[in-house]
Amino acid sequence: MPDELAVRLSRETEIRAPYLDSEGNPDAEDLRRHVSTGGADVHHCFVNFPPRPGKKGETSLNSTIKKENAKFDDAAGTFSFVGEPFRLNGTLVKIHATIVLATMKGTGRCEILSETDVP
């Protein structure tokens, strides 16, 4: 049975990417540095999911991303990715997210996977 947190995060919801400049403003270049610098084929991206209703504190997840599963769309001003599978409280998931670069906000969800979904 999937974990309660994984089930809650499996519904499309608002997310936030915590890439900010020194004054707390959204920083698209900081996000770009985290997910596309160097020659590596694998990078990471943090996304914050909102707290449960009536609770405080976001759920911050760090997703591994392969270059072929990530895209900066400069015309639309967005960054979209499908992360690599990982375990969230024992439940196998991967993150799907689209982030608006001007605000570092967007939408995302965790897809709950079965063991057979991972090669």
PDB file of N, CA and C in Angstrom:
ATOM      1  N   MET A   1       0.846  -1.187   0.000  1.00  0.00           N
ATOM      2  CA  MET A   1       0.000   0.000   0.000  1.00  0.00           C
ATOM      3  C   MET A   1       0.891   1.250   0.000  1.00  0.00           C
ATOM      4  N   PRO A   2       0.610   2.223  -0.865  1.00  0.00           N
ATOM      5  CA  PRO A   2       1.431   3.439  -0.927  1.00  0.00           C
ATOM      6  C   PRO A   2       1.346   4.253   0.366  1.00  0.00           C
ATOM      7  N   ASP A   3       2.422   4.942   0.655  1.00  0.00           N
ATOM      8  CA  ASP A   3       2.498   5.822   1.811  1.00  0.00           C
ATOM      9  C   ASP A   3       1.508   6.983   1.663  1.00  0.00           C
ATOM     10  N   GLU A   4       0.966   7.478   2.774  1.00  0.00           N
ATOM     11  CA  GLU A   4      -0.017   8.571   2.775  1.00  0.00           C
ATOM     12  C   GLU A   4       0.547   9.830   2.131  1.00  0.00           C
ATOM     13  N   LEU A   5       1.808  10.154   2.421  1.00  0.00           N
ATOM     14  CA  LEU A   5       2.413  11.354   1.837  1.00  0.00           C
ATOM     15  C   LEU A   5       2.529  11.203   0.321  1.00  0.00           C
ATOM     16  N   ALA A   6       2.950  10.036  -0.140  1.00  0.00           N
ATOM     17  CA  ALA A   6       3.063   9.799  -1.583  1.00  0.00           C
ATOM     18  C   ALA A   6       1.700   9.933  -2.261  1.00  0.00           C
ATOM     19  N   VAL A   7       0.665   9.415  -1.623  1.00  0.00           N
ATOM     20  CA  VAL A   7      -0.689   9.527  -2.188  1.00  0.00           C
ATOM     21  C   VAL A   7      -1.109  10.990  -2.253  1.00  0.00           C
ATOM     22  N   ARG A   8      -0.871  11.744  -1.172  1.00  0.00           N
ATOM     23  CA  ARG A   8      -1.242  13.168  -1.158  1.00  0.00           C
ATOM     24  C   ARG A   8      -0.507  13.943  -2.246  1.00  0.00           C
ATOM     25  N   LEU A   9       0.778  13.643  -2.444  1.00  0.00           N
ATOM     26  CA  LEU A   9       1.570  14.365  -3.438  1.00  0.00           C
ATOM     27  C   LEU A   9       1.337  13.854  -4.861  1.00  0.00           C
ATOM     28  N   SER A  10       0.545  12.800  -5.007  1.00  0.00           N
ATOM     29  CA  SER A  10       0.267  12.282  -6.349  1.00  0.00           C
ATOM     30  C   SER A  10      -0.787  13.102  -7.085  1.00  0.00           C
ATOM     31  N   ARG A  11      -1.449  13.994  -6.374  1.00  0.00           N
ATOM     32  CA  ARG A  11      -2.425  14.887  -7.004  1.00  0.00           C
ATOM     33  C   ARG A  11      -1.712  16.162  -7.478  1.00  0.00           C
ATOM     34  N   GLU A  12      -2.013  16.569  -8.705  1.00  0.00           N
ATOM     35  CA  GLU A  12      -1.416  17.798  -9.253  1.00  0.00           C
ATOM     36  C   GLU A  12      -1.686  18.953  -8.297  1.00  0.00           C
ATOM     37  N   THR A  13      -0.637  19.685  -7.962  1.00  0.00           N
ATOM     38  CA  THR A  13      -0.763  20.780  -7.004  1.00  0.00           C
ATOM     39  C   THR A  13       0.243  21.871  -7.322  1.00  0.00           C
ATOM     40  N   GLU A  14       0.070  23.022  -6.681  1.00  0.00           N
ATOM     41  CA  GLU A  14       1.061  24.084  -6.812  1.00  0.00           C
ATOM     42  C   GLU A  14       2.353  23.639  -6.155  1.00  0.00           C
ATOM     43  N   ILE A  15       3.472  23.990  -6.776  1.00  0.00           N
ATOM     44  CA  ILE A  15       4.777  23.720  -6.191  1.00  0.00           C
ATOM     45  C   ILE A  15       5.597  24.999  -6.239  1.00  0.00           C
ATOM     46  N   ARG A  16       6.723  24.955  -5.556  1.00  0.00           N
ATOM     47  CA  ARG A  16       7.643  26.085  -5.549  1.00  0.00           C
ATOM     48  C   ARG A  16       9.054  25.533  -5.688  1.00  0.00           C
ATOM     49  N   ALA A  17       9.859  26.177  -6.504  1.00  0.00           N
ATOM     50  CA  ALA A  17      11.276  25.811  -6.628  1.00  0.00           C
ATOM     51  C   ALA A  17      12.077  26.842  -5.834  1.00  0.00           C
ATOM     52  N   PRO A  18      12.872  26.413  -4.855  1.00  0.00           N
ATOM     53  CA  PRO A  18      13.536  27.355  -3.950  1.00  0.00           C
ATOM     54  C   PRO A  18      14.830  27.949  -4.496  1.00  0.00           C
ATOM     55  N   TYR A  19      14.796  28.416  -5.733  1.00  0.00           N
ATOM     56  CA  TYR A  19      15.985  29.015  -6.337  1.00  0.00           C
ATOM     57  C   TYR A  19      15.788  30.528  -6.361  1.00  0.00           C
ATOM     58  N   LEU A  20      16.450  31.193  -5.407  1.00  0.00           N
ATOM     59  CA  LEU A  20      16.261  32.623  -5.187  1.00  0.00           C
ATOM     60  C   LEU A  20      17.607  33.330  -5.151  1.00  0.00           C
ATOM     61  N   ASP A  21      17.597  34.633  -5.483  1.00  0.00           N
ATOM     62  CA  ASP A  21      18.823  35.406  -5.369  1.00  0.00           C
ATOM     63  C   ASP A  21      19.018  35.852  -3.920  1.00  0.00           C
ATOM     64  N   SER A  22      20.052  36.630  -3.668  1.00  0.00           N
ATOM     65  CA  SER A  22      20.384  37.035  -2.294  1.00  0.00           C
ATOM     66  C   SER A  22      19.313  37.927  -1.656  1.00  0.00           C
ATOM     67  N   GLU A  23      18.429  38.489  -2.470  1.00  0.00           N
ATOM     68  CA  GLU A  23      17.353  39.336  -1.943  1.00  0.00           C
ATOM     69  C   GLU A  23      16.025  38.598  -1.857  1.00  0.00           C
ATOM     70  N   GLY A  24      16.036  37.288  -2.148  1.00  0.00           N
ATOM     71  CA  GLY A  24      14.820  36.486  -2.044  1.00  0.00           C
ATOM     72  C   GLY A  24      13.932  36.516  -3.267  1.00  0.00           C
ATOM     73  N   ASN A  25      14.445  37.023  -4.378  1.00  0.00           N
ATOM     74  CA  ASN A  25      13.678  37.074  -5.625  1.00  0.00           C
ATOM     75  C   ASN A  25      13.930  35.811  -6.455  1.00  0.00           C
ATOM     76  N   PRO A  26      12.947  35.381  -7.259  1.00  0.00           N
ATOM     77  CA  PRO A  26      13.149  34.214  -8.111  1.00  0.00           C
ATOM     78  C   PRO A  26      14.386  34.385  -8.989  1.00  0.00           C
ATOM     79  N   ASP A  27      15.192  33.331  -9.102  1.00  0.00           N
ATOM     80  CA  ASP A  27      16.448  33.407  -9.839  1.00  0.00           C
ATOM     81  C   ASP A  27      16.547  32.244 -10.836  1.00  0.00           C
ATOM     82  N   ALA A  28      16.082  32.500 -12.057  1.00  0.00           N
ATOM     83  CA  ALA A  28      16.086  31.468 -13.095  1.00  0.00           C
ATOM     84  C   ALA A  28      17.500  30.997 -13.407  1.00  0.00           C
ATOM     85  N   GLU A  29      18.468  31.893 -13.328  1.00  0.00           N
ATOM     86  CA  GLU A  29      19.854  31.492 -13.627  1.00  0.00           C
ATOM     87  C   GLU A  29      20.386  30.529 -12.575  1.00  0.00           C
ATOM     88  N   ASP A  30      19.983  30.689 -11.323  1.00  0.00           N
ATOM     89  CA  ASP A  30      20.386  29.746 -10.275  1.00  0.00           C
ATOM     90  C   ASP A  30      19.811  28.359 -10.570  1.00  0.00           C
ATOM     91  N   LEU A  31      18.550  28.311 -10.986  1.00  0.00           N
ATOM     92  CA  LEU A  31      17.947  27.031 -11.361  1.00  0.00           C
ATOM     93  C   LEU A  31      18.700  26.420 -12.540  1.00  0.00           C
ATOM     94  N   ARG A  32      18.994  27.217 -13.539  1.00  0.00           N
ATOM     95  CA  ARG A  32      19.737  26.712 -14.702  1.00  0.00           C
ATOM     96  C   ARG A  32      21.090  26.132 -14.289  1.00  0.00           C
ATOM     97  N   ARG A  33      21.792  26.812 -13.379  1.00  0.00           N
ATOM     98  CA  ARG A  33      23.086  26.313 -12.917  1.00  0.00           C
ATOM     99  C   ARG A  33      22.940  24.956 -12.239  1.00  0.00           C
ATOM    100  N   HIS A  34      21.885  24.781 -11.469  1.00  0.00           N
ATOM    101  CA  HIS A  34      21.687  23.525 -10.749  1.00  0.00           C
ATOM    102  C   HIS A  34      21.345  22.359 -11.674  1.00  0.00           C
ATOM    103  N   VAL A  35      20.631  22.635 -12.736  1.00  0.00           N
ATOM    104  CA  VAL A  35      20.138  21.525 -13.557  1.00  0.00           C
ATOM    105  C   VAL A  35      20.822  21.376 -14.913  1.00  0.00           C
ATOM    106  N   SER A  36      21.772  22.249 -15.247  1.00  0.00           N
ATOM    107  CA  SER A  36      22.344  22.099 -16.590  1.00  0.00           C
ATOM    108  C   SER A  36      23.818  22.460 -16.697  1.00  0.00           C
ATOM    109  N   THR A  37      24.522  22.618 -15.594  1.00  0.00           N
ATOM    110  CA  THR A  37      25.924  22.987 -15.719  1.00  0.00           C
ATOM    111  C   THR A  37      26.806  21.754 -15.819  1.00  0.00           C
ATOM    112  N   GLY A  38      27.957  21.951 -16.419  1.00  0.00           N
ATOM    113  CA  GLY A  38      28.916  20.858 -16.544  1.00  0.00           C
ATOM    114  C   GLY A  38      28.496  19.855 -17.596  1.00  0.00           C
ATOM    115  N   GLY A  39      29.312  18.854 -17.751  1.00  0.00           N
ATOM    116  CA  GLY A  39      29.052  17.842 -18.762  1.00  0.00           C
ATOM    117  C   GLY A  39      28.267  16.651 -18.253  1.00  0.00           C
ATOM    118  N   ALA A  40      27.864  16.687 -17.008  1.00  0.00           N
ATOM    119  CA  ALA A  40      27.156  15.538 -16.439  1.00  0.00           C
ATOM    120  C   ALA A  40      25.813  15.321 -17.133  1.00  0.00           C
ATOM    121  N   ASP A  41      25.411  14.055 -17.208  1.00  0.00           N
ATOM    122  CA  ASP A  41      24.121  13.711 -17.798  1.00  0.00           C
ATOM    123  C   ASP A  41      23.002  13.715 -16.770  1.00  0.00           C
ATOM    124  N   VAL A  42      23.372  13.758 -15.479  1.00  0.00           N
ATOM    125  CA  VAL A  42      22.386  13.702 -14.403  1.00  0.00           C
ATOM    126  C   VAL A  42      22.558  14.925 -13.505  1.00  0.00           C
ATOM    127  N   HIS A  43      21.442  15.554 -13.170  1.00  0.00           N
ATOM    128  CA  HIS A  43      21.441  16.722 -12.291  1.00  0.00           C
ATOM    129  C   HIS A  43      20.340  16.566 -11.256  1.00  0.00           C
ATOM    130  N   HIS A  44      20.172  17.591 -10.426  1.00  0.00           N
ATOM    131  CA  HIS A  44      19.166  17.547  -9.363  1.00  0.00           C
ATOM    132  C   HIS A  44      18.350  18.828  -9.370  1.00  0.00           C
ATOM    133  N   CYS A  45      17.106  18.721  -8.913  1.00  0.00           N
ATOM    134  CA  CYS A  45      16.245  19.891  -8.756  1.00  0.00           C
ATOM    135  C   CYS A  45      15.398  19.705  -7.510  1.00  0.00           C
ATOM    136  N   PHE A  46      15.367  20.734  -6.671  1.00  0.00           N
ATOM    137  CA  PHE A  46      14.503  20.724  -5.499  1.00  0.00           C
ATOM    138  C   PHE A  46      13.142  21.305  -5.867  1.00  0.00           C
ATOM    139  N   VAL A  47      12.091  20.695  -5.357  1.00  0.00           N
ATOM    140  CA  VAL A  47      10.746  21.256  -5.462  1.00  0.00           C
ATOM    141  C   VAL A  47      10.087  21.154  -4.091  1.00  0.00           C
ATOM    142  N   ASN A  48       9.320  22.175  -3.760  1.00  0.00           N
ATOM    143  CA  ASN A  48       8.605  22.212  -2.489  1.00  0.00           C
ATOM    144  C   ASN A  48       7.112  22.076  -2.738  1.00  0.00           C
ATOM    145  N   PHE A  49       6.523  21.079  -2.080  1.00  0.00           N
ATOM    146  CA  PHE A  49       5.085  20.856  -2.145  1.00  0.00           C
ATOM    147  C   PHE A  49       4.444  21.519  -0.927  1.00  0.00           C
ATOM    148  N   PRO A  50       3.204  22.009  -1.060  1.00  0.00           N
ATOM    149  CA  PRO A  50       2.568  22.714   0.062  1.00  0.00           C
ATOM    150  C   PRO A  50       2.280  21.764   1.234  1.00  0.00           C
ATOM    151  N   PRO A  51       2.120  22.353   2.433  1.00  0.00           N
ATOM    152  CA  PRO A  51       1.791  21.524   3.598  1.00  0.00           C
ATOM    153  C   PRO A  51       0.367  20.980   3.512  1.00  0.00           C
ATOM    154  N   ARG A  52       0.097  19.979   4.341  1.00  0.00           N
ATOM    155  CA  ARG A  52      -1.281  19.485   4.449  1.00  0.00           C
ATOM    156  C   ARG A  52      -2.151  20.611   4.959  1.00  0.00           C
ATOM    157  N   PRO A  53      -3.435  20.610   4.628  1.00  0.00           N
ATOM    158  CA  PRO A  53      -4.339  21.647   5.148  1.00  0.00           C
ATOM    159  C   PRO A  53      -4.272  21.698   6.674  1.00  0.00           C
ATOM    160  N   GLY A  54      -4.150  22.907   7.191  1.00  0.00           N
ATOM    161  CA  GLY A  54      -4.095  23.101   8.631  1.00  0.00           C
ATOM    162  C   GLY A  54      -2.732  22.850   9.248  1.00  0.00           C
ATOM    163  N   LYS A  55      -1.735  22.525   8.448  1.00  0.00           N
ATOM    164  CA  LYS A  55      -0.380  22.244   8.945  1.00  0.00           C
ATOM    165  C   LYS A  55       0.588  23.292   8.417  1.00  0.00           C
ATOM    166  N   LYS A  56       1.758  23.349   9.032  1.00  0.00           N
ATOM    167  CA  LYS A  56       2.809  24.258   8.580  1.00  0.00           C
ATOM    168  C   LYS A  56       3.944  23.455   7.984  1.00  0.00           C
ATOM    169  N   GLY A  57       4.725  24.093   7.135  1.00  0.00           N
ATOM    170  CA  GLY A  57       5.914  23.465   6.591  1.00  0.00           C
ATOM    171  C   GLY A  57       5.677  22.720   5.289  1.00  0.00           C
ATOM    172  N   GLU A  58       6.450  23.086   4.295  1.00  0.00           N
ATOM    173  CA  GLU A  58       6.363  22.447   2.988  1.00  0.00           C
ATOM    174  C   GLU A  58       7.101  21.106   3.017  1.00  0.00           C
ATOM    175  N   THR A  59       6.813  20.271   2.042  1.00  0.00           N
ATOM    176  CA  THR A  59       7.565  19.040   1.827  1.00  0.00           C
ATOM    177  C   THR A  59       8.536  19.323   0.694  1.00  0.00           C
ATOM    178  N   SER A  60       9.831  19.308   0.997  1.00  0.00           N
ATOM    179  CA  SER A  60      10.859  19.597   0.010  1.00  0.00           C
ATOM    180  C   SER A  60      11.461  18.284  -0.479  1.00  0.00           C
ATOM    181  N   LEU A  61      11.407  18.059  -1.786  1.00  0.00           N
ATOM    182  CA  LEU A  61      11.956  16.846  -2.376  1.00  0.00           C
ATOM    183  C   LEU A  61      13.034  17.213  -3.383  1.00  0.00           C
ATOM    184  N   ASN A  62      14.098  16.423  -3.403  1.00  0.00           N
ATOM    185  CA  ASN A  62      15.209  16.607  -4.327  1.00  0.00           C
ATOM    186  C   ASN A  62      15.111  15.520  -5.379  1.00  0.00           C
ATOM    187  N   SER A  63      14.870  15.903  -6.607  1.00  0.00           N
ATOM    188  CA  SER A  63      14.685  14.941  -7.680  1.00  0.00           C
ATOM    189  C   SER A  63      15.930  14.868  -8.558  1.00  0.00           C
ATOM    190  N   THR A  64      16.374  13.649  -8.829  1.00  0.00           N
ATOM    191  CA  THR A  64      17.434  13.425  -9.809  1.00  0.00           C
ATOM    192  C   THR A  64      16.804  13.535 -11.197  1.00  0.00           C
ATOM    193  N   ILE A  65      17.497  14.230 -12.101  1.00  0.00           N
ATOM    194  CA  ILE A  65      16.966  14.468 -13.445  1.00  0.00           C
ATOM    195  C   ILE A  65      18.026  14.105 -14.474  1.00  0.00           C
ATOM    196  N   LYS A  66      17.638  13.336 -15.467  1.00  0.00           N
ATOM    197  CA  LYS A  66      18.507  13.109 -16.622  1.00  0.00           C
ATOM    198  C   LYS A  66      18.215  14.198 -17.641  1.00  0.00           C
ATOM    199  N   LYS A  67      19.263  14.636 -18.339  1.00  0.00           N
ATOM    200  CA  LYS A  67      19.109  15.738 -19.309  1.00  0.00           C
ATOM    201  C   LYS A  67      17.980  15.498 -20.303  1.00  0.00           C
ATOM    202  N   GLU A  68      17.815  14.260 -20.757  1.00  0.00           N
ATOM    203  CA  GLU A  68      16.794  13.992 -21.778  1.00  0.00           C
ATOM    204  C   GLU A  68      15.371  14.100 -21.236  1.00  0.00           C
ATOM    205  N   ASN A  69      15.212  14.183 -19.905  1.00  0.00           N
ATOM    206  CA  ASN A  69      13.880  14.293 -19.297  1.00  0.00           C
ATOM    207  C   ASN A  69      13.611  15.683 -18.737  1.00  0.00           C
ATOM    208  N   ALA A  70      14.397  16.669 -19.182  1.00  0.00           N
ATOM    209  CA  ALA A  70      14.238  18.040 -18.697  1.00  0.00           C
ATOM    210  C   ALA A  70      14.285  19.013 -19.869  1.00  0.00           C
ATOM    211  N   LYS A  71      13.493  20.098 -19.760  1.00  0.00           N
ATOM    212  CA  LYS A  71      13.454  21.042 -20.879  1.00  0.00           C
ATOM    213  C   LYS A  71      13.210  22.463 -20.375  1.00  0.00           C
ATOM    214  N   PHE A  72      14.091  23.365 -20.765  1.00  0.00           N
ATOM    215  CA  PHE A  72      13.847  24.791 -20.592  1.00  0.00           C
ATOM    216  C   PHE A  72      13.135  25.257 -21.849  1.00  0.00           C
ATOM    217  N   ASP A  73      11.968  25.864 -21.689  1.00  0.00           N
ATOM    218  CA  ASP A  73      11.222  26.429 -22.813  1.00  0.00           C
ATOM    219  C   ASP A  73      11.273  27.938 -22.646  1.00  0.00           C
ATOM    220  N   ASP A  74      12.279  28.556 -23.265  1.00  0.00           N
ATOM    221  CA  ASP A  74      12.477  29.991 -23.085  1.00  0.00           C
ATOM    222  C   ASP A  74      11.318  30.808 -23.641  1.00  0.00           C
ATOM    223  N   ALA A  75      10.685  30.339 -24.698  1.00  0.00           N
ATOM    224  CA  ALA A  75       9.550  31.060 -25.272  1.00  0.00           C
ATOM    225  C   ALA A  75       8.388  31.111 -24.276  1.00  0.00           C
ATOM    226  N   ALA A  76       8.142  30.014 -23.589  1.00  0.00           N
ATOM    227  CA  ALA A  76       7.050  29.960 -22.607  1.00  0.00           C
ATOM    228  C   ALA A  76       7.510  30.421 -21.227  1.00  0.00           C
ATOM    229  N   GLY A  77       8.825  30.503 -21.034  1.00  0.00           N
ATOM    230  CA  GLY A  77       9.347  30.910 -19.729  1.00  0.00           C
ATOM    231  C   GLY A  77       9.181  29.842 -18.663  1.00  0.00           C
ATOM    232  N   THR A  78       9.344  28.564 -19.062  1.00  0.00           N
ATOM    233  CA  THR A  78       9.146  27.469 -18.117  1.00  0.00           C
ATOM    234  C   THR A  78      10.303  26.477 -18.160  1.00  0.00           C
ATOM    235  N   PHE A  79      10.386  25.701 -17.092  1.00  0.00           N
ATOM    236  CA  PHE A  79      11.287  24.556 -17.004  1.00  0.00           C
ATOM    237  C   PHE A  79      10.429  23.372 -16.592  1.00  0.00           C
ATOM    238  N   SER A  80      10.463  22.301 -17.384  1.00  0.00           N
ATOM    239  CA  SER A  80       9.674  21.102 -17.101  1.00  0.00           C
ATOM    240  C   SER A  80      10.596  19.909 -16.995  1.00  0.00           C
ATOM    241  N   PHE A  81      10.231  18.966 -16.120  1.00  0.00           N
ATOM    242  CA  PHE A  81      11.022  17.747 -16.018  1.00  0.00           C
ATOM    243  C   PHE A  81      10.192  16.593 -15.482  1.00  0.00           C
ATOM    244  N   VAL A  82      10.685  15.394 -15.774  1.00  0.00           N
ATOM    245  CA  VAL A  82      10.208  14.164 -15.158  1.00  0.00           C
ATOM    246  C   VAL A  82      11.430  13.573 -14.477  1.00  0.00           C
ATOM    247  N   GLY A  83      11.371  13.456 -13.173  1.00  0.00           N
ATOM    248  CA  GLY A  83      12.520  12.982 -12.410  1.00  0.00           C
ATOM    249  C   GLY A  83      12.698  11.477 -12.477  1.00  0.00           C
ATOM    250  N   GLU A  84      13.828  11.042 -11.978  1.00  0.00           N
ATOM    251  CA  GLU A  84      14.134   9.619 -11.884  1.00  0.00           C
ATOM    252  C   GLU A  84      13.413   9.024 -10.672  1.00  0.00           C
ATOM    253  N   PRO A  85      13.104   7.741 -10.711  1.00  0.00           N
ATOM    254  CA  PRO A  85      12.420   7.105  -9.580  1.00  0.00           C
ATOM    255  C   PRO A  85      13.245   7.156  -8.284  1.00  0.00           C
ATOM    256  N   PHE A  86      12.551   7.334  -7.165  1.00  0.00           N
ATOM    257  CA  PHE A  86      13.161   7.273  -5.839  1.00  0.00           C
ATOM    258  C   PHE A  86      12.095   6.821  -4.847  1.00  0.00           C
ATOM    259  N   ARG A  87      12.519   6.503  -3.658  1.00  0.00           N
ATOM    260  CA  ARG A  87      11.580   6.048  -2.633  1.00  0.00           C
ATOM    261  C   ARG A  87      11.227   7.199  -1.689  1.00  0.00           C
ATOM    262  N   LEU A  88       9.937   7.409  -1.544  1.00  0.00           N
ATOM    263  CA  LEU A  88       9.398   8.394  -0.603  1.00  0.00           C
ATOM    264  C   LEU A  88       8.687   7.608   0.486  1.00  0.00           C
ATOM    265  N   ASN A  89       9.289   7.546   1.650  1.00  0.00           N
ATOM    266  CA  ASN A  89       8.735   6.762   2.767  1.00  0.00           C
ATOM    267  C   ASN A  89       8.402   5.331   2.342  1.00  0.00           C
ATOM    268  N   GLY A  90       9.273   4.743   1.522  1.00  0.00           N
ATOM    269  CA  GLY A  90       9.102   3.360   1.097  1.00  0.00           C
ATOM    270  C   GLY A  90       8.303   3.169  -0.181  1.00  0.00           C
ATOM    271  N   THR A  91       7.659   4.237  -0.674  1.00  0.00           N
ATOM    272  CA  THR A  91       6.855   4.149  -1.889  1.00  0.00           C
ATOM    273  C   THR A  91       7.671   4.657  -3.065  1.00  0.00           C
ATOM    274  N   LEU A  92       7.725   3.889  -4.130  1.00  0.00           N
ATOM    275  CA  LEU A  92       8.468   4.259  -5.326  1.00  0.00           C
ATOM    276  C   LEU A  92       7.694   5.331  -6.101  1.00  0.00           C
ATOM    277  N   VAL A  93       8.340   6.489  -6.347  1.00  0.00           N
ATOM    278  CA  VAL A  93       7.693   7.614  -7.034  1.00  0.00           C
ATOM    279  C   VAL A  93       8.680   8.282  -7.989  1.00  0.00           C
ATOM    280  N   LYS A  94       8.148   9.123  -8.865  1.00  0.00           N
ATOM    281  CA  LYS A  94       8.973  10.069  -9.621  1.00  0.00           C
ATOM    282  C   LYS A  94       8.179  11.357  -9.757  1.00  0.00           C
ATOM    283  N   ILE A  95       8.888  12.476  -9.776  1.00  0.00           N
ATOM    284  CA  ILE A  95       8.266  13.794  -9.809  1.00  0.00           C
ATOM    285  C   ILE A  95       8.074  14.253 -11.251  1.00  0.00           C
ATOM    286  N   HIS A  96       6.897  14.817 -11.516  1.00  0.00           N
ATOM    287  CA  HIS A  96       6.591  15.518 -12.767  1.00  0.00           C
ATOM    288  C   HIS A  96       6.379  16.974 -12.362  1.00  0.00           C
ATOM    289  N   ALA A  97       7.075  17.913 -13.002  1.00  0.00           N
ATOM    290  CA  ALA A  97       6.926  19.313 -12.607  1.00  0.00           C
ATOM    291  C   ALA A  97       7.106  20.256 -13.779  1.00  0.00           C
ATOM    292  N   THR A  98       6.398  21.375 -13.712  1.00  0.00           N
ATOM    293  CA  THR A  98       6.588  22.503 -14.624  1.00  0.00           C
ATOM    294  C   THR A  98       6.703  23.747 -13.756  1.00  0.00           C
ATOM    295  N   ILE A  99       7.798  24.460 -13.915  1.00  0.00           N
ATOM    296  CA  ILE A  99       8.102  25.636 -13.093  1.00  0.00           C
ATOM    297  C   ILE A  99       8.143  26.871 -13.983  1.00  0.00           C
ATOM    298  N   VAL A 100       7.429  27.919 -13.590  1.00  0.00           N
ATOM    299  CA  VAL A 100       7.460  29.199 -14.297  1.00  0.00           C
ATOM    300  C   VAL A 100       8.707  29.943 -13.814  1.00  0.00           C
ATOM    301  N   LEU A 101       9.610  30.254 -14.721  1.00  0.00           N
ATOM    302  CA  LEU A 101      10.903  30.819 -14.337  1.00  0.00           C
ATOM    303  C   LEU A 101      10.799  32.191 -13.678  1.00  0.00           C
ATOM    304  N   ALA A 102       9.824  32.992 -14.058  1.00  0.00           N
ATOM    305  CA  ALA A 102       9.687  34.342 -13.499  1.00  0.00           C
ATOM    306  C   ALA A 102       9.275  34.335 -12.030  1.00  0.00           C
ATOM    307  N   THR A 103       8.614  33.259 -11.602  1.00  0.00           N
ATOM    308  CA  THR A 103       8.091  33.217 -10.228  1.00  0.00           C
ATOM    309  C   THR A 103       8.661  32.075  -9.389  1.00  0.00           C
ATOM    310  N   MET A 104       9.274  31.088 -10.039  1.00  0.00           N
ATOM    311  CA  MET A 104       9.751  29.853  -9.396  1.00  0.00           C
ATOM    312  C   MET A 104       8.597  29.074  -8.782  1.00  0.00           C
ATOM    313  N   LYS A 105       7.387  29.273  -9.324  1.00  0.00           N
ATOM    314  CA  LYS A 105       6.208  28.520  -8.912  1.00  0.00           C
ATOM    315  C   LYS A 105       5.682  27.766 -10.114  1.00  0.00           C
ATOM    316  N   GLY A 106       4.892  26.753  -9.860  1.00  0.00           N
ATOM    317  CA  GLY A 106       4.338  25.988 -10.961  1.00  0.00           C
ATOM    318  C   GLY A 106       3.431  24.891 -10.453  1.00  0.00           C
ATOM    319  N   THR A 107       3.377  23.805 -11.207  1.00  0.00           N
ATOM    320  CA  THR A 107       2.555  22.665 -10.811  1.00  0.00           C
ATOM    321  C   THR A 107       3.405  21.403 -10.853  1.00  0.00           C
ATOM    322  N   GLY A 108       3.018  20.449 -10.013  1.00  0.00           N
ATOM    323  CA  GLY A 108       3.760  19.201  -9.991  1.00  0.00           C
ATOM    324  C   GLY A 108       3.008  18.127  -9.234  1.00  0.00           C
ATOM    325  N   ARG A 109       3.539  16.925  -9.349  1.00  0.00           N
ATOM    326  CA  ARG A 109       2.958  15.779  -8.651  1.00  0.00           C
ATOM    327  C   ARG A 109       4.002  14.685  -8.579  1.00  0.00           C
ATOM    328  N   CYS A 110       3.773  13.727  -7.687  1.00  0.00           N
ATOM    329  CA  CYS A 110       4.576  12.511  -7.614  1.00  0.00           C
ATOM    330  C   CYS A 110       3.767  11.394  -8.250  1.00  0.00           C
ATOM    331  N   GLU A 111       4.336  10.754  -9.239  1.00  0.00           N
ATOM    332  CA  GLU A 111       3.692   9.587  -9.839  1.00  0.00           C
ATOM    333  C   GLU A 111       4.081   8.368  -9.010  1.00  0.00           C
ATOM    334  N   ILE A 112       3.094   7.639  -8.524  1.00  0.00           N
ATOM    335  CA  ILE A 112       3.356   6.420  -7.766  1.00  0.00           C
ATOM    336  C   ILE A 112       3.624   5.292  -8.761  1.00  0.00           C
ATOM    337  N   LEU A 113       4.754   4.625  -8.572  1.00  0.00           N
ATOM    338  CA  LEU A 113       5.197   3.571  -9.478  1.00  0.00           C
ATOM    339  C   LEU A 113       5.094   2.198  -8.803  1.00  0.00           C
ATOM    340  N   SER A 114       5.057   1.181  -9.625  1.00  0.00           N
ATOM    341  CA  SER A 114       5.162  -0.179  -9.098  1.00  0.00           C
ATOM    342  C   SER A 114       6.596  -0.643  -9.309  1.00  0.00           C
ATOM    343  N   GLU A 115       6.985  -1.702  -8.647  1.00  0.00           N
ATOM    344  CA  GLU A 115       8.355  -2.208  -8.779  1.00  0.00           C
ATOM    345  C   GLU A 115       8.671  -2.578 -10.223  1.00  0.00           C
ATOM    346  N   THR A 116       7.665  -2.949 -10.996  1.00  0.00           N
ATOM    347  CA  THR A 116       7.902  -3.347 -12.384  1.00  0.00           C
ATOM    348  C   THR A 116       8.126  -2.148 -13.306  1.00  0.00           C
ATOM    349  N   ASP A 117       7.893  -0.909 -12.799  1.00  0.00           N
ATOM    350  CA  ASP A 117       8.100   0.291 -13.606  1.00  0.00           C
ATOM    351  C   ASP A 117       9.568   0.700 -13.700  1.00  0.00           C
ATOM    352  N   VAL A 118      10.427   0.066 -12.885  1.00  0.00           N
ATOM    353  CA  VAL A 118      11.833   0.444 -12.851  1.00  0.00           C
ATOM    354  C   VAL A 118      12.665  -0.675 -13.481  1.00  0.00           C
ATOM    355  N   PRO A 119      13.475  -0.320 -14.491  1.00  0.00           N
ATOM    356  CA  PRO A 119      14.278  -1.358 -15.163  1.00  0.00           C
ATOM    357  C   PRO A 119      15.319  -1.958 -14.236  1.00  0.00           C
TER     358      PRO A 119
END
